[in-house]
C-alpha atoms as a PDB file:
ATOM      1  CA  UNK A   1       4.738  11.256   2.628  1.00  0.00           C
ATOM      2  CA  UNK A   2       3.811  14.809   3.590  1.00  0.00           C
ATOM      3  CA  UNK A   3       5.996  16.467   6.200  1.00  0.00           C
ATOM      4  CA  UNK A   4       4.495  16.411   9.671  1.00  0.00           C
ATOM      5  CA  UNK A   5       4.382  19.478  11.896  1.00  0.00           C
ATOM      6  CA  UNK A   6       5.696  17.806  15.037  1.00  0.00           C
ATOM      7  CA  UNK A   7       9.120  16.477  15.944  1.00  0.00           C
ATOM      8  CA  UNK A   8       9.922  13.056  14.516  1.00  0.00           C
ATOM      9  CA  UNK A   9      12.330  12.132  17.274  1.00  0.00           C
ATOM     10  CA  UNK A  10      12.076   8.738  18.939  1.00  0.00           C
ATOM     11  CA  UNK A  11       9.795   8.671  21.970  1.00  0.00           C
ATOM     12  CA  UNK A  12      12.841   8.198  24.180  1.00  0.00           C
ATOM     13  CA  UNK A  13      15.663  10.727  23.902  1.00  0.00           C
ATOM     14  CA  UNK A  14      18.241   7.970  23.558  1.00  0.00           C
ATOM     15  CA  UNK A  15      16.965   4.957  21.589  1.00  0.00           C
ATOM     16  CA  UNK A  16      17.631   1.584  23.142  1.00  0.00           C
ATOM     17  CA  UNK A  17      19.494  -1.194  21.361  1.00  0.00           C
ATOM     18  CA  UNK A  18      16.167  -3.045  21.091  1.00  0.00           C
ATOM     19  CA  UNK A  19      14.538  -0.041  19.341  1.00  0.00           C
ATOM     20  CA  UNK A  20      17.426   0.248  16.904  1.00  0.00           C
ATOM     21  CA  UNK A  21      17.242  -3.466  16.112  1.00  0.00           C
ATOM     22  CA  UNK A  22      13.492  -3.175  15.501  1.00  0.00           C
ATOM     23  CA  UNK A  23      13.981  -0.299  13.059  1.00  0.00           C
ATOM     24  CA  UNK A  24      16.671  -2.259  11.195  1.00  0.00           C
ATOM     25  CA  UNK A  25      14.495  -5.394  11.149  1.00  0.00           C
ATOM     26  CA  UNK A  26      11.547  -3.520   9.657  1.00  0.00           C
ATOM     27  CA  UNK A  27      13.594  -1.624   7.074  1.00  0.00           C
ATOM     28  CA  UNK A  28      15.535  -4.669   5.898  1.00  0.00           C
ATOM     29  CA  UNK A  29      12.300  -6.636   5.506  1.00  0.00           C
ATOM     30  CA  UNK A  30      11.661  -4.408   2.469  1.00  0.00           C
ATOM     31  CA  UNK A  31      13.492  -4.310  -0.835  1.00  0.00           C
ATOM     32  CA  UNK A  32      17.220  -3.722  -0.451  1.00  0.00           C
ATOM     33  CA  UNK A  33      17.153  -0.916  -2.993  1.00  0.00           C
ATOM     34  CA  UNK A  34      15.385   1.371  -0.497  1.00  0.00           C
ATOM     35  CA  UNK A  35      18.309   1.118   1.903  1.00  0.00           C
ATOM     36  CA  UNK A  36      20.827   1.271  -0.933  1.00  0.00           C
ATOM     37  CA  UNK A  37      19.315   4.491  -2.261  1.00  0.00           C
ATOM     38  CA  UNK A  38      19.278   5.953   1.272  1.00  0.00           C
ATOM     39  CA  UNK A  39      23.022   5.242   1.588  1.00  0.00           C
ATOM     40  CA  UNK A  40      23.828   6.290  -1.977  1.00  0.00           C
ATOM     41  CA  UNK A  41      22.253   9.717  -1.397  1.00  0.00           C
ATOM     42  CA  UNK A  42      24.684  10.195   1.509  1.00  0.00           C
ATOM     43  CA  UNK A  43      27.704   9.084  -0.515  1.00  0.00           C
ATOM     44  CA  UNK A  44      28.108   6.005   1.676  1.00  0.00           C
ATOM     45  CA  UNK A  45      28.917   2.442   0.631  1.00  0.00           C
ATOM     46  CA  UNK A  46      25.673   0.692  -0.306  1.00  0.00           C
ATOM     47  CA  UNK A  47      26.599  -2.687  -1.803  1.00  0.00           C
ATOM     48  CA  UNK A  48      26.293  -6.155  -0.266  1.00  0.00           C
ATOM     49  CA  UNK A  49      23.811  -8.632   1.138  1.00  0.00           C
ATOM     50  CA  UNK A  50      21.111  -7.781   3.676  1.00  0.00           C
ATOM     51  CA  UNK A  51      23.445  -8.814   6.479  1.00  0.00           C
ATOM     52  CA  UNK A  52      26.196  -6.593   5.068  1.00  0.00           C
ATOM     53  CA  UNK A  53      23.762  -3.680   4.766  1.00  0.00           C
ATOM     54  CA  UNK A  54      22.680  -4.200   8.359  1.00  0.00           C
ATOM     55  CA  UNK A  55      26.284  -4.012   9.519  1.00  0.00           C
ATOM     56  CA  UNK A  56      26.838  -0.916   7.407  1.00  0.00           C
ATOM     57  CA  UNK A  57      23.783   0.789   8.907  1.00  0.00           C
ATOM     58  CA  UNK A  58      24.881  -0.064  12.443  1.00  0.00           C
ATOM     59  CA  UNK A  59      28.400   1.230  11.787  1.00  0.00           C
ATOM     60  CA  UNK A  60      27.189   4.453  10.146  1.00  0.00           C
ATOM     61  CA  UNK A  61      24.811   5.053  13.063  1.00  0.00           C
ATOM     62  CA  UNK A  62      27.693   4.681  15.511  1.00  0.00           C
ATOM     63  CA  UNK A  63      29.802   7.088  13.456  1.00  0.00           C
ATOM     64  CA  UNK A  64      27.033   9.686  13.359  1.00  0.00           C
ATOM     65  CA  UNK A  65      26.633   9.618   9.573  1.00  0.00           C
ATOM     66  CA  UNK A  66      22.880   9.737  10.191  1.00  0.00           C
ATOM     67  CA  UNK A  67      20.529   9.299  13.140  1.00  0.00           C
ATOM     68  CA  UNK A  68      17.973   6.704  14.138  1.00  0.00           C
ATOM     69  CA  UNK A  69      15.378   9.395  13.378  1.00  0.00           C
ATOM     70  CA  UNK A  70      16.549   9.394   9.744  1.00  0.00           C
ATOM     71  CA  UNK A  71      15.977   5.632   9.613  1.00  0.00           C
ATOM     72  CA  UNK A  72      12.511   5.957  11.141  1.00  0.00           C
ATOM     73  CA  UNK A  73      11.669   8.557   8.482  1.00  0.00           C
ATOM     74  CA  UNK A  74      12.895   6.121   5.825  1.00  0.00           C
ATOM     75  CA  UNK A  75      10.737   3.348   7.282  1.00  0.00           C
ATOM     76  CA  UNK A  76       7.672   5.598   7.317  1.00  0.00           C
ATOM     77  CA  UNK A  77       8.280   6.512   3.672  1.00  0.00           C
ATOM     78  CA  UNK A  78       8.564   2.962   2.340  1.00  0.00           C
ATOM     79  CA  UNK A  79       6.089   0.922   4.355  1.00  0.00           C
ATOM     80  CA  UNK A  80       2.430   0.892   3.582  1.00  0.00           C
ATOM     81  CA  UNK A  81       2.705   1.431  -0.194  1.00  0.00           C
ATOM     82  CA  UNK A  82       3.502  -1.979  -1.624  1.00  0.00           C
ATOM     83  CA  UNK A  83       1.256  -5.053  -1.675  1.00  0.00           C
ATOM     84  CA  UNK A  84      -1.926  -3.100  -1.070  1.00  0.00           C
ATOM     85  CA  UNK A  85      -5.622  -3.689  -1.630  1.00  0.00           C
ATOM     86  CA  UNK A  86      -7.214  -0.290  -2.152  1.00  0.00           C
ATOM     87  CA  UNK A  87     -10.789   1.031  -2.159  1.00  0.00           C
ATOM     88  CA  UNK A  88     -11.316   4.513  -3.598  1.00  0.00           C
ATOM     89  CA  UNK A  89     -13.850   7.152  -2.527  1.00  0.00           C
ATOM     90  CA  UNK A  90     -14.922  10.733  -3.209  1.00  0.00           C
ATOM     91  CA  UNK A  91     -16.028  13.011  -0.372  1.00  0.00           C
ATOM     92  CA  UNK A  92     -18.451  15.955  -0.708  1.00  0.00           C
ATOM     93  CA  UNK A  93     -16.755  19.285   0.018  1.00  0.00           C
ATOM     94  CA  UNK A  94     -18.685  19.816   3.259  1.00  0.00           C
ATOM     95  CA  UNK A  95     -17.040  16.765   4.826  1.00  0.00           C
ATOM     96  CA  UNK A  96     -13.575  18.233   4.397  1.00  0.00           C
ATOM     97  CA  UNK A  97     -14.219  21.556   6.129  1.00  0.00           C
ATOM     98  CA  UNK A  98     -13.526  20.363   9.729  1.00  0.00           C
ATOM     99  CA  UNK A  99     -10.183  18.915   8.571  1.00  0.00           C
ATOM    100  CA  UNK A 100      -8.805  21.923   6.704  1.00  0.00           C
ATOM    101  CA  UNK A 101      -7.525  23.987   9.668  1.00  0.00           C
ATOM    102  CA  UNK A 102      -5.234  22.672  12.382  1.00  0.00           C
ATOM    103  CA  UNK A 103      -7.254  24.246  15.219  1.00  0.00           C
ATOM    104  CA  UNK A 104     -10.496  22.561  14.151  1.00  0.00           C
ATOM    105  CA  UNK A 105      -8.696  19.226  13.644  1.00  0.00           C
ATOM    106  CA  UNK A 106      -7.213  19.421  17.128  1.00  0.00           C
ATOM    107  CA  UNK A 107     -10.596  20.272  18.686  1.00  0.00           C
ATOM    108  CA  UNK A 108     -12.278  17.392  16.861  1.00  0.00           C
ATOM    109  CA  UNK A 109      -9.616  14.931  18.035  1.00  0.00           C
ATOM    110  CA  UNK A 110      -9.774  16.291  21.597  1.00  0.00           C
ATOM    111  CA  UNK A 111     -13.511  15.585  21.686  1.00  0.00           C
ATOM    112  CA  UNK A 112     -12.766  12.036  20.534  1.00  0.00           C
ATOM    113  CA  UNK A 113      -9.880  11.714  23.033  1.00  0.00           C
ATOM    114  CA  UNK A 114      -7.477  11.055  20.148  1.00  0.00           C
ATOM    115  CA  UNK A 115      -5.364  14.221  20.332  1.00  0.00           C
ATOM    116  CA  UNK A 116      -2.366  12.142  21.442  1.00  0.00           C
ATOM    117  CA  UNK A 117      -2.314  10.603  17.932  1.00  0.00           C
ATOM    118  CA  UNK A 118      -2.119  13.954  16.120  1.00  0.00           C
ATOM    119  CA  UNK A 119       1.041  13.919  13.963  1.00  0.00           C
ATOM    120  CA  UNK A 120       2.440  11.246  16.216  1.00  0.00           C
ATOM    121  CA  UNK A 121       5.343   9.164  15.033  1.00  0.00           C
ATOM    122  CA  UNK A 122       4.192   5.636  14.301  1.00  0.00           C
ATOM    123  CA  UNK A 123       5.147   3.439  17.251  1.00  0.00           C
ATOM    124  CA  UNK A 124       7.656   0.653  16.837  1.00  0.00           C
ATOM    125  CA  UNK A 125       6.034  -1.618  19.424  1.00  0.00           C
ATOM    126  CA  UNK A 126       3.482  -3.832  17.686  1.00  0.00           C
ATOM    127  CA  UNK A 127      -0.028  -4.306  19.118  1.00  0.00           C
ATOM    128  CA  UNK A 128      -1.439  -7.795  18.633  1.00  0.00           C
ATOM    129  CA  UNK A 129      -4.675  -6.350  17.225  1.00  0.00           C
ATOM    130  CA  UNK A 130      -4.994  -3.517  14.687  1.00  0.00           C
ATOM    131  CA  UNK A 131      -4.755  -0.245  16.598  1.00  0.00           C
ATOM    132  CA  UNK A 132      -5.160   3.316  15.339  1.00  0.00           C
ATOM    133  CA  UNK A 133      -1.623   4.502  15.994  1.00  0.00           C
ATOM    134  CA  UNK A 134      -1.145   7.810  14.182  1.00  0.00           C
ATOM    135  CA  UNK A 135      -3.147  10.598  12.554  1.00  0.00           C
ATOM    136  CA  UNK A 136      -0.796  12.344  10.140  1.00  0.00           C
ATOM    137  CA  UNK A 137      -2.153  15.756   9.106  1.00  0.00           C
ATOM    138  CA  UNK A 138      -1.213  18.620   6.815  1.00  0.00           C
ATOM    139  CA  UNK A 139      -3.599  21.190   5.284  1.00  0.00           C
ATOM    140  CA  UNK A 140      -3.515  19.127   2.064  1.00  0.00           C
ATOM    141  CA  UNK A 141      -3.919  15.585   3.409  1.00  0.00           C
ATOM    142  CA  UNK A 142      -4.873  13.544   6.455  1.00  0.00           C
ATOM    143  CA  UNK A 143      -3.777   9.945   6.847  1.00  0.00           C
ATOM    144  CA  UNK A 144      -5.039   7.607   9.581  1.00  0.00           C
ATOM    145  CA  UNK A 145      -2.719   4.667  10.219  1.00  0.00           C
ATOM    146  CA  UNK A 146      -3.522   1.414  12.002  1.00  0.00           C
ATOM    147  CA  UNK A 147      -0.655  -0.870  13.007  1.00  0.00           C
ATOM    148  CA  UNK A 148      -0.724  -4.509  14.024  1.00  0.00           C
ATOM    149  CA  UNK A 149       1.648  -7.374  14.557  1.00  0.00           C
ATOM    150  CA  UNK A 150       1.766  -9.833  11.658  1.00  0.00           C
ATOM    151  CA  UNK A 151       3.176 -13.223  12.595  1.00  0.00           C
ATOM    152  CA  UNK A 152       3.668 -16.257  10.366  1.00  0.00           C
ATOM    153  CA  UNK A 153       5.647 -19.482  10.184  1.00  0.00           C
ATOM    154  CA  UNK A 154       8.029 -20.533   7.413  1.00  0.00           C
ATOM    155  CA  UNK A 155       9.325 -24.064   6.953  1.00  0.00           C
ATOM    156  CA  UNK A 156      13.098 -24.436   7.305  1.00  0.00           C
ATOM    157  CA  UNK A 157      13.642 -27.963   6.023  1.00  0.00           C
ATOM    158  CA  UNK A 158      17.415 -27.920   6.454  1.00  0.00           C
ATOM    159  CA  UNK A 159      16.901 -27.612  10.223  1.00  0.00           C
ATOM    160  CA  UNK A 160      14.676 -30.741  10.436  1.00  0.00           C
ATOM    161  CA  UNK A 161      16.088 -33.639  12.424  1.00  0.00           C
ATOM    162  CA  UNK A 162      15.174 -37.123  13.623  1.00  0.00           C
ATOM    163  CA  UNK A 163      15.708 -38.271  17.198  1.00  0.00           C
ATOM    164  CA  UNK A 164      14.571 -41.393  19.060  1.00  0.00           C
ATOM    165  CA  UNK A 165      12.175 -42.364  16.276  1.00  0.00           C
ATOM    166  CA  UNK A 166      10.636 -38.886  16.160  1.00  0.00           C
ATOM    167  CA  UNK A 167      10.919 -36.511  13.191  1.00  0.00           C
ATOM    168  CA  UNK A 168      11.070 -32.816  14.124  1.00  0.00           C
ATOM    169  CA  UNK A 169      10.040 -30.291  11.470  1.00  0.00           C
ATOM    170  CA  UNK A 170      11.541 -26.828  11.897  1.00  0.00           C
ATOM    171  CA  UNK A 171       9.704 -23.561  11.370  1.00  0.00           C
ATOM    172  CA  UNK A 172      10.995 -20.030  11.564  1.00  0.00           C
ATOM    173  CA  UNK A 173       8.577 -17.578  13.210  1.00  0.00           C
ATOM    174  CA  UNK A 174       8.660 -14.201  11.452  1.00  0.00           C
ATOM    175  CA  UNK A 175       7.110 -10.978  12.739  1.00  0.00           C
ATOM    176  CA  UNK A 176       6.507  -7.786  10.794  1.00  0.00           C
ATOM    177  CA  UNK A 177       4.509  -4.592  10.997  1.00  0.00           C
ATOM    178  CA  UNK A 178       1.157  -4.732   9.265  1.00  0.00           C
ATOM    179  CA  UNK A 179      -0.440  -1.440   8.214  1.00  0.00           C
ATOM    180  CA  UNK A 180      -3.894  -0.288   7.235  1.00  0.00           C
ATOM    181  CA  UNK A 181      -4.435   3.343   6.293  1.00  0.00           C
ATOM    182  CA  UNK A 182      -7.207   5.723   5.347  1.00  0.00           C
ATOM    183  CA  UNK A 183      -5.630   8.394   3.158  1.00  0.00           C
ATOM    184  CA  UNK A 184      -7.737  11.494   2.394  1.00  0.00           C
ATOM    185  CA  UNK A 185      -6.730  14.248  -0.025  1.00  0.00           C
ATOM    186  CA  UNK A 186      -8.228  17.436   1.439  1.00  0.00           C
ATOM    187  CA  UNK A 187      -7.808  19.343  -1.821  1.00  0.00           C
ATOM    188  CA  UNK A 188      -9.513  16.986  -4.292  1.00  0.00           C
ATOM    189  CA  UNK A 189     -11.719  15.092  -1.825  1.00  0.00           C
ATOM    190  CA  UNK A 190     -10.551  11.695  -3.074  1.00  0.00           C
ATOM    191  CA  UNK A 191      -9.768   9.128  -0.376  1.00  0.00           C
ATOM    192  CA  UNK A 192      -8.663   5.533  -0.154  1.00  0.00           C
ATOM    193  CA  UNK A 193      -8.619   2.593   2.200  1.00  0.00           C
ATOM    194  CA  UNK A 194      -5.256   0.902   1.911  1.00  0.00           C
ATOM    195  CA  UNK A 195      -5.122  -2.607   3.377  1.00  0.00           C
ATOM    196  CA  UNK A 196      -1.695  -4.194   3.349  1.00  0.00           C
ATOM    197  CA  UNK A 197      -1.840  -7.696   1.918  1.00  0.00           C
ATOM    198  CA  UNK A 198      -3.390 -10.212   4.314  1.00  0.00           C
ATOM    199  CA  UNK A 199      -3.181 -14.044   4.316  1.00  0.00           C
ATOM    200  CA  UNK A 200      -4.444 -15.862   1.250  1.00  0.00           C
ATOM    201  CA  UNK A 201      -8.204 -16.309   1.283  1.00  0.00           C
ATOM    202  CA  UNK A 202      -8.934 -13.041   3.117  1.00  0.00           C
ATOM    203  CA  UNK A 203     -12.063 -11.259   1.909  1.00  0.00           C
ATOM    204  CA  UNK A 204     -10.878  -7.668   1.711  1.00  0.00           C
ATOM    205  CA  UNK A 205     -14.323  -6.097   1.604  1.00  0.00           C
ATOM    206  CA  UNK A 206     -15.022  -7.688   4.991  1.00  0.00           C
ATOM    207  CA  UNK A 207     -11.755  -6.333   6.398  1.00  0.00           C
ATOM    208  CA  UNK A 208     -12.635  -2.887   5.039  1.00  0.00           C
ATOM    209  CA  UNK A 209     -16.101  -2.978   6.596  1.00  0.00           C
ATOM    210  CA  UNK A 210     -14.638  -4.031   9.938  1.00  0.00           C
ATOM    211  CA  UNK A 211     -12.254  -1.071   9.952  1.00  0.00           C
ATOM    212  CA  UNK A 212     -14.956   1.295   8.713  1.00  0.00           C
ATOM    213  CA  UNK A 213     -17.204   0.447  11.664  1.00  0.00           C
ATOM    214  CA  UNK A 214     -14.468   1.361  14.128  1.00  0.00           C
ATOM    215  CA  UNK A 215     -13.650   4.475  12.114  1.00  0.00           C
ATOM    216  CA  UNK A 216     -17.215   5.810  12.083  1.00  0.00           C
ATOM    217  CA  UNK A 217     -16.939   8.094  15.161  1.00  0.00           C
ATOM    218  CA  UNK A 218     -14.023   9.881  13.461  1.00  0.00           C
ATOM    219  CA  UNK A 219     -15.076   9.807   9.793  1.00  0.00           C
ATOM    220  CA  UNK A 220     -18.320   8.228   8.600  1.00  0.00           C
ATOM    221  CA  UNK A 221     -17.681   6.489   5.278  1.00  0.00           C
ATOM    222  CA  UNK A 222     -21.423   6.306   4.653  1.00  0.00           C
ATOM    223  CA  UNK A 223     -21.136   9.963   3.635  1.00  0.00           C
ATOM    224  CA  UNK A 224     -18.523   9.152   0.949  1.00  0.00           C
ATOM    225  CA  UNK A 225     -19.216   8.007  -2.586  1.00  0.00           C
ATOM    226  CA  UNK A 226     -17.371   4.750  -3.412  1.00  0.00           C
ATOM    227  CA  UNK A 227     -15.739   4.740  -6.832  1.00  0.00           C
ATOM    228  CA  UNK A 228     -16.558   1.958  -9.290  1.00  0.00           C
ATOM    229  CA  UNK A 229     -13.042   1.272 -10.509  1.00  0.00           C
ATOM    230  CA  UNK A 230     -14.190  -1.387 -12.968  1.00  0.00           C
ATOM    231  CA  UNK A 231     -15.486   1.447 -15.172  1.00  0.00           C
ATOM    232  CA  UNK A 232     -11.859   2.270 -15.931  1.00  0.00           C
ATOM    233  CA  UNK A 233     -10.960  -1.196 -17.246  1.00  0.00           C
ATOM    234  CA  UNK A 234     -11.998  -0.691 -20.862  1.00  0.00           C
ATOM    235  CA  UNK A 235     -10.260   2.676 -21.193  1.00  0.00           C
ATOM    236  CA  UNK A 236      -7.042   1.469 -19.563  1.00  0.00           C
ATOM    237  CA  UNK A 237      -7.107  -1.630 -21.756  1.00  0.00           C
ATOM    238  CA  UNK A 238      -7.295   0.583 -24.834  1.00  0.00           C
ATOM    239  CA  UNK A 239      -4.519   2.907 -23.659  1.00  0.00           C
ATOM    240  CA  UNK A 240      -0.822   2.411 -24.253  1.00  0.00           C
ATOM    241  CA  UNK A 241      -0.005   2.791 -20.580  1.00  0.00           C
ATOM    242  CA  UNK A 242      -0.155  -0.893 -19.627  1.00  0.00           C
ATOM    243  CA  UNK A 243       0.774  -4.406 -20.684  1.00  0.00           C
ATOM    244  CA  UNK A 244      -2.354  -6.543 -20.508  1.00  0.00           C
ATOM    245  CA  UNK A 245      -1.500  -9.783 -18.731  1.00  0.00           C
ATOM    246  CA  UNK A 246      -5.085 -10.990 -18.193  1.00  0.00           C
ATOM    247  CA  UNK A 247      -8.583  -9.688 -18.829  1.00  0.00           C
ATOM    248  CA  UNK A 248     -11.879 -11.251 -17.827  1.00  0.00           C
ATOM    249  CA  UNK A 249     -15.235 -10.139 -19.184  1.00  0.00           C
ATOM    250  CA  UNK A 250     -18.829 -10.917 -18.328  1.00  0.00           C
ATOM    251  CA  UNK A 251     -21.688 -10.800 -20.817  1.00  0.00           C
ATOM    252  CA  UNK A 252     -25.051  -9.283 -19.953  1.00  0.00           C
ATOM    253  CA  UNK A 253     -26.369 -12.867 -19.733  1.00  0.00           C
ATOM    254  CA  UNK A 254     -23.774 -13.734 -17.094  1.00  0.00           C
ATOM    255  CA  UNK A 255     -21.330 -15.793 -19.182  1.00  0.00           C
ATOM    256  CA  UNK A 256     -17.614 -15.156 -18.668  1.00  0.00           C
ATOM    257  CA  UNK A 257     -14.591 -15.089 -20.947  1.00  0.00           C
ATOM    258  CA  UNK A 258     -10.951 -14.736 -19.886  1.00  0.00           C
ATOM    259  CA  UNK A 259      -7.871 -13.933 -21.970  1.00  0.00           C
ATOM    260  CA  UNK A 260      -4.386 -14.517 -20.544  1.00  0.00           C
ATOM    261  CA  UNK A 261      -1.047 -13.782 -22.194  1.00  0.00           C
ATOM    262  CA  UNK A 262       1.529 -16.487 -22.840  1.00  0.00           C
ATOM    263  CA  UNK A 263       3.821 -15.055 -20.136  1.00  0.00           C
ATOM    264  CA  UNK A 264       4.111 -12.100 -17.768  1.00  0.00           C
ATOM    265  CA  UNK A 265       6.312 -10.286 -20.261  1.00  0.00           C
ATOM    266  CA  UNK A 266       3.805 -10.650 -23.132  1.00  0.00           C
ATOM    267  CA  UNK A 267       0.625  -8.750 -23.876  1.00  0.00           C
ATOM    268  CA  UNK A 268      -2.507 -10.892 -24.141  1.00  0.00           C
ATOM    269  CA  UNK A 269      -3.533  -9.210 -27.386  1.00  0.00           C
ATOM    270  CA  UNK A 270      -0.242  -9.870 -29.152  1.00  0.00           C
ATOM    271  CA  UNK A 271      -1.979 -13.065 -30.248  1.00  0.00           C
ATOM    272  CA  UNK A 272      -4.135 -12.075 -33.284  1.00  0.00           C
ATOM    273  CA  UNK A 273      -6.722 -14.738 -32.428  1.00  0.00           C
ATOM    274  CA  UNK A 274      -7.164 -13.300 -28.931  1.00  0.00           C
ATOM    275  CA  UNK A 275      -7.276  -9.805 -30.390  1.00  0.00           C
ATOM    276  CA  UNK A 276     -10.126 -10.732 -32.736  1.00  0.00           C
ATOM    277  CA  UNK A 277     -12.054 -12.473 -29.956  1.00  0.00           C
ATOM    278  CA  UNK A 278     -11.597  -9.496 -27.639  1.00  0.00           C
ATOM    279  CA  UNK A 279     -12.825  -7.063 -30.264  1.00  0.00           C
ATOM    280  CA  UNK A 280     -15.882  -9.218 -30.897  1.00  0.00           C
ATOM    281  CA  UNK A 281     -16.792  -9.079 -27.219  1.00  0.00           C
ATOM    282  CA  UNK A 282     -16.221  -5.380 -26.629  1.00  0.00           C
ATOM    283  CA  UNK A 283     -19.747  -4.099 -27.036  1.00  0.00           C
ATOM    284  CA  UNK A 284     -21.569  -6.885 -25.241  1.00  0.00           C
ATOM    285  CA  UNK A 285     -19.492  -7.342 -22.084  1.00  0.00           C
ATOM    286  CA  UNK A 286     -18.297  -5.526 -18.970  1.00  0.00           C
ATOM    287  CA  UNK A 287     -14.835  -5.802 -17.431  1.00  0.00           C
ATOM    288  CA  UNK A 288     -14.766  -8.339 -14.604  1.00  0.00           C
ATOM    289  CA  UNK A 289     -11.039  -8.509 -13.805  1.00  0.00           C
ATOM    290  CA  UNK A 290      -8.021  -6.699 -15.212  1.00  0.00           C
ATOM    291  CA  UNK A 291      -4.447  -7.789 -14.604  1.00  0.00           C
ATOM    292  CA  UNK A 292      -2.171  -4.992 -15.845  1.00  0.00           C
ATOM    293  CA  UNK A 293       1.495  -4.062 -15.704  1.00  0.00           C
ATOM    294  CA  UNK A 294       1.774  -0.267 -15.810  1.00  0.00           C
ATOM    295  CA  UNK A 295       4.708   0.723 -17.983  1.00  0.00           C
ATOM    296  CA  UNK A 296       7.476   3.042 -16.722  1.00  0.00           C
ATOM    297  CA  UNK A 297       7.057   6.791 -17.209  1.00  0.00           C
ATOM    298  CA  UNK A 298      10.117   8.976 -16.755  1.00  0.00           C
ATOM    299  CA  UNK A 299       9.987  10.933 -13.524  1.00  0.00           C
ATOM    300  CA  UNK A 300       6.774   9.247 -12.354  1.00  0.00           C
ATOM    301  CA  UNK A 301       7.131   5.481 -12.508  1.00  0.00           C
ATOM    302  CA  UNK A 302      10.654   4.104 -12.511  1.00  0.00           C
ATOM    303  CA  UNK A 303       9.712   0.411 -12.748  1.00  0.00           C
ATOM    304  CA  UNK A 304       6.728  -1.572 -13.973  1.00  0.00           C
ATOM    305  CA  UNK A 305       3.916  -1.726 -11.453  1.00  0.00           C
ATOM    306  CA  UNK A 306       1.735  -4.822 -11.253  1.00  0.00           C
ATOM    307  CA  UNK A 307      -1.901  -3.957 -10.630  1.00  0.00           C
ATOM    308  CA  UNK A 308      -5.252  -5.726 -10.688  1.00  0.00           C
ATOM    309  CA  UNK A 309      -8.725  -4.199 -10.846  1.00  0.00           C
ATOM    310  CA  UNK A 310     -11.471  -6.311  -9.309  1.00  0.00           C
ATOM    311  CA  UNK A 311     -15.050  -5.617 -10.397  1.00  0.00           C
ATOM    312  CA  UNK A 312     -16.548  -8.002  -7.826  1.00  0.00           C
ATOM    313  CA  UNK A 313     -15.983  -5.619  -4.932  1.00  0.00           C
ATOM    314  CA  UNK A 314     -14.600  -2.607  -6.822  1.00  0.00           C
ATOM    315  CA  UNK A 315     -11.057  -2.431  -5.551  1.00  0.00           C
ATOM    316  CA  UNK A 316      -7.499  -2.154  -6.843  1.00  0.00           C
ATOM    317  CA  UNK A 317      -4.661  -4.512  -5.950  1.00  0.00           C
ATOM    318  CA  UNK A 318      -1.061  -3.250  -6.007  1.00  0.00           C
ATOM    319  CA  UNK A 319       1.539  -6.035  -5.949  1.00  0.00           C
ATOM    320  CA  UNK A 320       5.219  -5.815  -5.103  1.00  0.00           C
ATOM    321  CA  UNK A 321       6.985  -3.087  -3.150  1.00  0.00           C
ATOM    322  CA  UNK A 322       6.804   0.442  -4.491  1.00  0.00           C
ATOM    323  CA  UNK A 323       7.418   3.991  -3.426  1.00  0.00           C
ATOM    324  CA  UNK A 324       4.598   6.317  -2.489  1.00  0.00           C
ATOM    325  CA  UNK A 325       4.876   8.530  -5.571  1.00  0.00           C
ATOM    326  CA  UNK A 326       4.691   5.495  -7.877  1.00  0.00           C
ATOM    327  CA  UNK A 327       1.517   4.155  -6.257  1.00  0.00           C
ATOM    328  CA  UNK A 328      -0.081   7.593  -6.209  1.00  0.00           C
ATOM    329  CA  UNK A 329       0.748   8.046  -9.898  1.00  0.00           C
ATOM    330  CA  UNK A 330      -0.922   4.766 -10.946  1.00  0.00           C
ATOM    331  CA  UNK A 331      -3.966   5.483  -8.777  1.00  0.00           C
ATOM    332  CA  UNK A 332      -4.218   8.942 -10.331  1.00  0.00           C
ATOM    333  CA  UNK A 333      -4.354   7.325 -13.784  1.00  0.00           C
ATOM    334  CA  UNK A 334      -7.065   4.901 -12.654  1.00  0.00           C
ATOM    335  CA  UNK A 335      -9.013   7.856 -11.219  1.00  0.00           C
ATOM    336  CA  UNK A 336      -8.586   9.698 -14.505  1.00  0.00           C
ATOM    337  CA  UNK A 337     -10.129   6.823 -16.458  1.00  0.00           C
ATOM    338  CA  UNK A 338     -12.895   6.393 -13.853  1.00  0.00           C
ATOM    339  CA  UNK A 339     -13.847  10.053 -14.219  1.00  0.00           C
ATOM    340  CA  UNK A 340     -13.644   9.800 -18.001  1.00  0.00           C
ATOM    341  CA  UNK A 341     -15.973   6.784 -18.033  1.00  0.00           C
ATOM    342  CA  UNK A 342     -18.516   8.410 -15.714  1.00  0.00           C
ATOM    343  CA  UNK A 343     -18.326  11.859 -17.328  1.00  0.00           C
ATOM    344  CA  UNK A 344     -17.158  13.596 -14.124  1.00  0.00           C
ATOM    345  CA  UNK A 345     -14.107  15.746 -13.399  1.00  0.00           C
END
């Protein structure tokens, strides 16, 4: 994430034990490799289970090997990029002008009584409802971040017990930070709503519209052009950048056809019968759903990235945990194919 212009110190000069535990909870809820890489870069021991890593982090903090601020920076770098549902937009140049200079940004936020959020460190305390919690600005990018408490129950069958003719089923209550962000590139004008994965059955376009209504006094999305990401499906399918797990097409008469590979590690069109059927449908159908695995690219994408493109409401799904640069790279490729399909730059 871009460097902020303010201090990234904790709100309190000396973090409490509760704050430290929260930071460790949130970090260790992500893939262990993020923490392991953080420790490896500092030539510190990085092996072990999550519990071992937690103890290592606590010990290294006590020894002064790094600060709680370093861990908060790590948390801010890794959260909000995996398991995302993303809507892409393009803004006319005139909309970016008020956001290009720090003085004009500050004045705009003062009028809206939001100046306290300017380059503010994301709070660790979790509001029960989504709350705009930080506006992270540089001359190249502005990112608005909403935070909420996500709470869910998980069955723990080994803790069930029976007593006096009653059977007690055990559940573990888990709490995590949920993020929604509006990320706006002030150089290119491209922007995106990023909605961290919500419970199964959520209609993401409704969640986006709900956030957009609250966002309107700050940035009016009605002035942005939404990108039709489904236009990119055919070109991506024909590229060598992805493994095609599943593709769904719709004919001009409304009929649908779906091709799915034999396994996640196989390409759907390895099967010559599927390949022939897909070729026969190319000219008379539009892409309805694409389920791709983007293949690694040295220096840009270290691991495969699972992605879906949904034509129904024109959004991109990113699945699994990934680093910011990996997600931005894949989105840049989707944008490239969108522009290519529409004949724009």
